[in-house]
Amino acid sequence: DKSTMRLYKYLKASRLITRRTVTNKAFDIVFVTVNGKPARASYEAKEGDQIALRFGVRTITVEVLSVQETLRQNEAAALYRQIQ
């Protein structure tokens, strides 16, 4: 059974978005998609998901490699692989 984590928590744990207030705003204005569909903060992220984050004109797309809640900052990048 694959482990899952709420998307807002995953984004914080992976350091893709570092502040919770920024994370909440991103969901309010649909800057976050998972597997090509707009995602809510409560979405359960799992291995293999493709998450796209739009920051102004720049979009970052990552594939979820691992779901872990507690990591040191220097290990956070191991949770995902950047696609674009």
C-alpha atoms as a PDB file:
ATOM      1  CA  ASP A   1       0.000   0.000   0.000  1.00  0.00           C
ATOM      2  CA  LYS A   2       1.448   3.347  -1.027  1.00  0.00           C
ATOM      3  CA  SER A   3       1.654   6.029   1.608  1.00  0.00           C
ATOM      4  CA  THR A   4      -0.057   9.362   1.038  1.00  0.00           C
ATOM      5  CA  MET A   5       0.120  12.854   2.485  1.00  0.00           C
ATOM      6  CA  ARG A   6      -2.107  15.892   2.157  1.00  0.00           C
ATOM      7  CA  LEU A   7      -0.846  17.962  -0.752  1.00  0.00           C
ATOM      8  CA  TYR A   8      -0.322  21.147   1.274  1.00  0.00           C
ATOM      9  CA  LYS A   9       1.815  19.188   3.751  1.00  0.00           C
ATOM     10  CA  TYR A  10       3.764  17.541   0.936  1.00  0.00           C
ATOM     11  CA  LEU A  11       4.566  20.905  -0.650  1.00  0.00           C
ATOM     12  CA  LYS A  12       5.837  22.161   2.711  1.00  0.00           C
ATOM     13  CA  ALA A  13       7.824  18.975   3.528  1.00  0.00           C
ATOM     14  CA  SER A  14       9.462  18.968   0.079  1.00  0.00           C
ATOM     15  CA  ARG A  15      10.241  22.705   0.414  1.00  0.00           C
ATOM     16  CA  LEU A  16       8.585  23.354  -2.978  1.00  0.00           C
ATOM     17  CA  ILE A  17       6.587  26.024  -1.126  1.00  0.00           C
ATOM     18  CA  THR A  18       8.102  26.992   2.187  1.00  0.00           C
ATOM     19  CA  ARG A  19       5.414  29.062   3.888  1.00  0.00           C
ATOM     20  CA  ARG A  20       1.928  27.836   4.695  1.00  0.00           C
ATOM     21  CA  THR A  21       0.333  31.197   3.831  1.00  0.00           C
ATOM     22  CA  VAL A  22       1.866  31.021   0.355  1.00  0.00           C
ATOM     23  CA  THR A  23       0.657  27.435   0.001  1.00  0.00           C
ATOM     24  CA  ASN A  24      -2.913  28.418   0.892  1.00  0.00           C
ATOM     25  CA  LYS A  25      -2.878  31.307  -1.602  1.00  0.00           C
ATOM     26  CA  ALA A  26      -1.572  29.023  -4.335  1.00  0.00           C
ATOM     27  CA  PHE A  27      -4.588  26.746  -3.896  1.00  0.00           C
ATOM     28  CA  ASP A  28      -7.046  29.651  -3.695  1.00  0.00           C
ATOM     29  CA  ILE A  29      -6.044  30.921  -7.121  1.00  0.00           C
ATOM     30  CA  VAL A  30      -5.504  27.507  -8.774  1.00  0.00           C
ATOM     31  CA  PHE A  31      -1.750  27.623  -9.168  1.00  0.00           C
ATOM     32  CA  VAL A  32      -1.433  23.939  -8.298  1.00  0.00           C
ATOM     33  CA  THR A  33      -2.404  21.006 -10.496  1.00  0.00           C
ATOM     34  CA  VAL A  34      -1.894  17.286  -9.958  1.00  0.00           C
ATOM     35  CA  ASN A  35      -1.812  14.979 -12.968  1.00  0.00           C
ATOM     36  CA  GLY A  36      -3.139  17.838 -15.125  1.00  0.00           C
ATOM     37  CA  LYS A  37      -6.165  18.704 -12.954  1.00  0.00           C
ATOM     38  CA  PRO A  38      -6.617  21.591 -10.486  1.00  0.00           C
ATOM     39  CA  ALA A  39      -5.914  20.263  -6.992  1.00  0.00           C
ATOM     40  CA  ARG A  40      -7.213  21.121  -3.556  1.00  0.00           C
ATOM     41  CA  ALA A  41      -4.939  21.366  -0.532  1.00  0.00           C
ATOM     42  CA  SER A  42      -6.644  18.264   0.873  1.00  0.00           C
ATOM     43  CA  TYR A  43      -5.674  16.073  -2.116  1.00  0.00           C
ATOM     44  CA  GLU A  44      -3.751  12.987  -0.957  1.00  0.00           C
ATOM     45  CA  ALA A  45      -0.385  13.143  -2.750  1.00  0.00           C
ATOM     46  CA  LYS A  46       1.214   9.787  -3.527  1.00  0.00           C
ATOM     47  CA  GLU A  47       4.246   8.396  -5.334  1.00  0.00           C
ATOM     48  CA  GLY A  48       4.015   8.853  -9.093  1.00  0.00           C
ATOM     49  CA  ASP A  49       1.818  11.979  -8.987  1.00  0.00           C
ATOM     50  CA  GLN A  50       2.895  14.860 -11.215  1.00  0.00           C
ATOM     51  CA  ILE A  51       2.485  18.207  -9.473  1.00  0.00           C
ATOM     52  CA  ALA A  52       2.672  21.466 -11.427  1.00  0.00           C
ATOM     53  CA  LEU A  53       3.196  24.744  -9.556  1.00  0.00           C
ATOM     54  CA  ARG A  54       2.788  28.049 -11.350  1.00  0.00           C
ATOM     55  CA  PHE A  55       4.844  30.961 -10.023  1.00  0.00           C
ATOM     56  CA  GLY A  56       3.866  33.965 -12.169  1.00  0.00           C
ATOM     57  CA  VAL A  57       4.901  33.061 -15.714  1.00  0.00           C
ATOM     58  CA  ARG A  58       7.110  30.151 -14.609  1.00  0.00           C
ATOM     59  CA  THR A  59       5.748  26.645 -14.051  1.00  0.00           C
ATOM     60  CA  ILE A  60       7.627  23.919 -12.229  1.00  0.00           C
ATOM     61  CA  THR A  61       6.501  20.330 -12.715  1.00  0.00           C
ATOM     62  CA  VAL A  62       7.729  17.580 -10.425  1.00  0.00           C
ATOM     63  CA  GLU A  63       7.083  13.881 -10.002  1.00  0.00           C
ATOM     64  CA  VAL A  64       6.520  12.636  -6.458  1.00  0.00           C
ATOM     65  CA  LEU A  65       9.200  10.048  -5.639  1.00  0.00           C
ATOM     66  CA  SER A  66       8.524   9.641  -1.942  1.00  0.00           C
ATOM     67  CA  VAL A  67       6.061  10.799   0.708  1.00  0.00           C
ATOM     68  CA  GLN A  68       7.678  11.493   4.085  1.00  0.00           C
ATOM     69  CA  GLU A  69       6.645  13.967   6.737  1.00  0.00           C
ATOM     70  CA  THR A  70       9.854  14.621   8.591  1.00  0.00           C
ATOM     71  CA  LEU A  71      13.046  15.386   6.736  1.00  0.00           C
ATOM     72  CA  ARG A  72      16.011  17.633   7.174  1.00  0.00           C
ATOM     73  CA  GLN A  73      16.043  20.574   4.794  1.00  0.00           C
ATOM     74  CA  ASN A  74      18.954  19.188   2.766  1.00  0.00           C
ATOM     75  CA  GLU A  75      17.019  15.929   2.175  1.00  0.00           C
ATOM     76  CA  ALA A  76      13.803  17.579   0.958  1.00  0.00           C
ATOM     77  CA  ALA A  77      14.770  17.500  -2.725  1.00  0.00           C
ATOM     78  CA  ALA A  78      14.889  13.680  -2.556  1.00  0.00           C
ATOM     79  CA  LEU A  79      11.072  13.648  -2.315  1.00  0.00           C
ATOM     80  CA  TYR A  80      10.624  14.665  -5.950  1.00  0.00           C
ATOM     81  CA  ARG A  81      12.196  14.757  -9.398  1.00  0.00           C
ATOM     82  CA  GLN A  82      11.843  17.936 -11.436  1.00  0.00           C
ATOM     83  CA  ILE A  83      10.361  17.279 -14.879  1.00  0.00           C
ATOM     84  CA  GLN A  84      10.156  20.856 -16.195  1.00  0.00           C
END
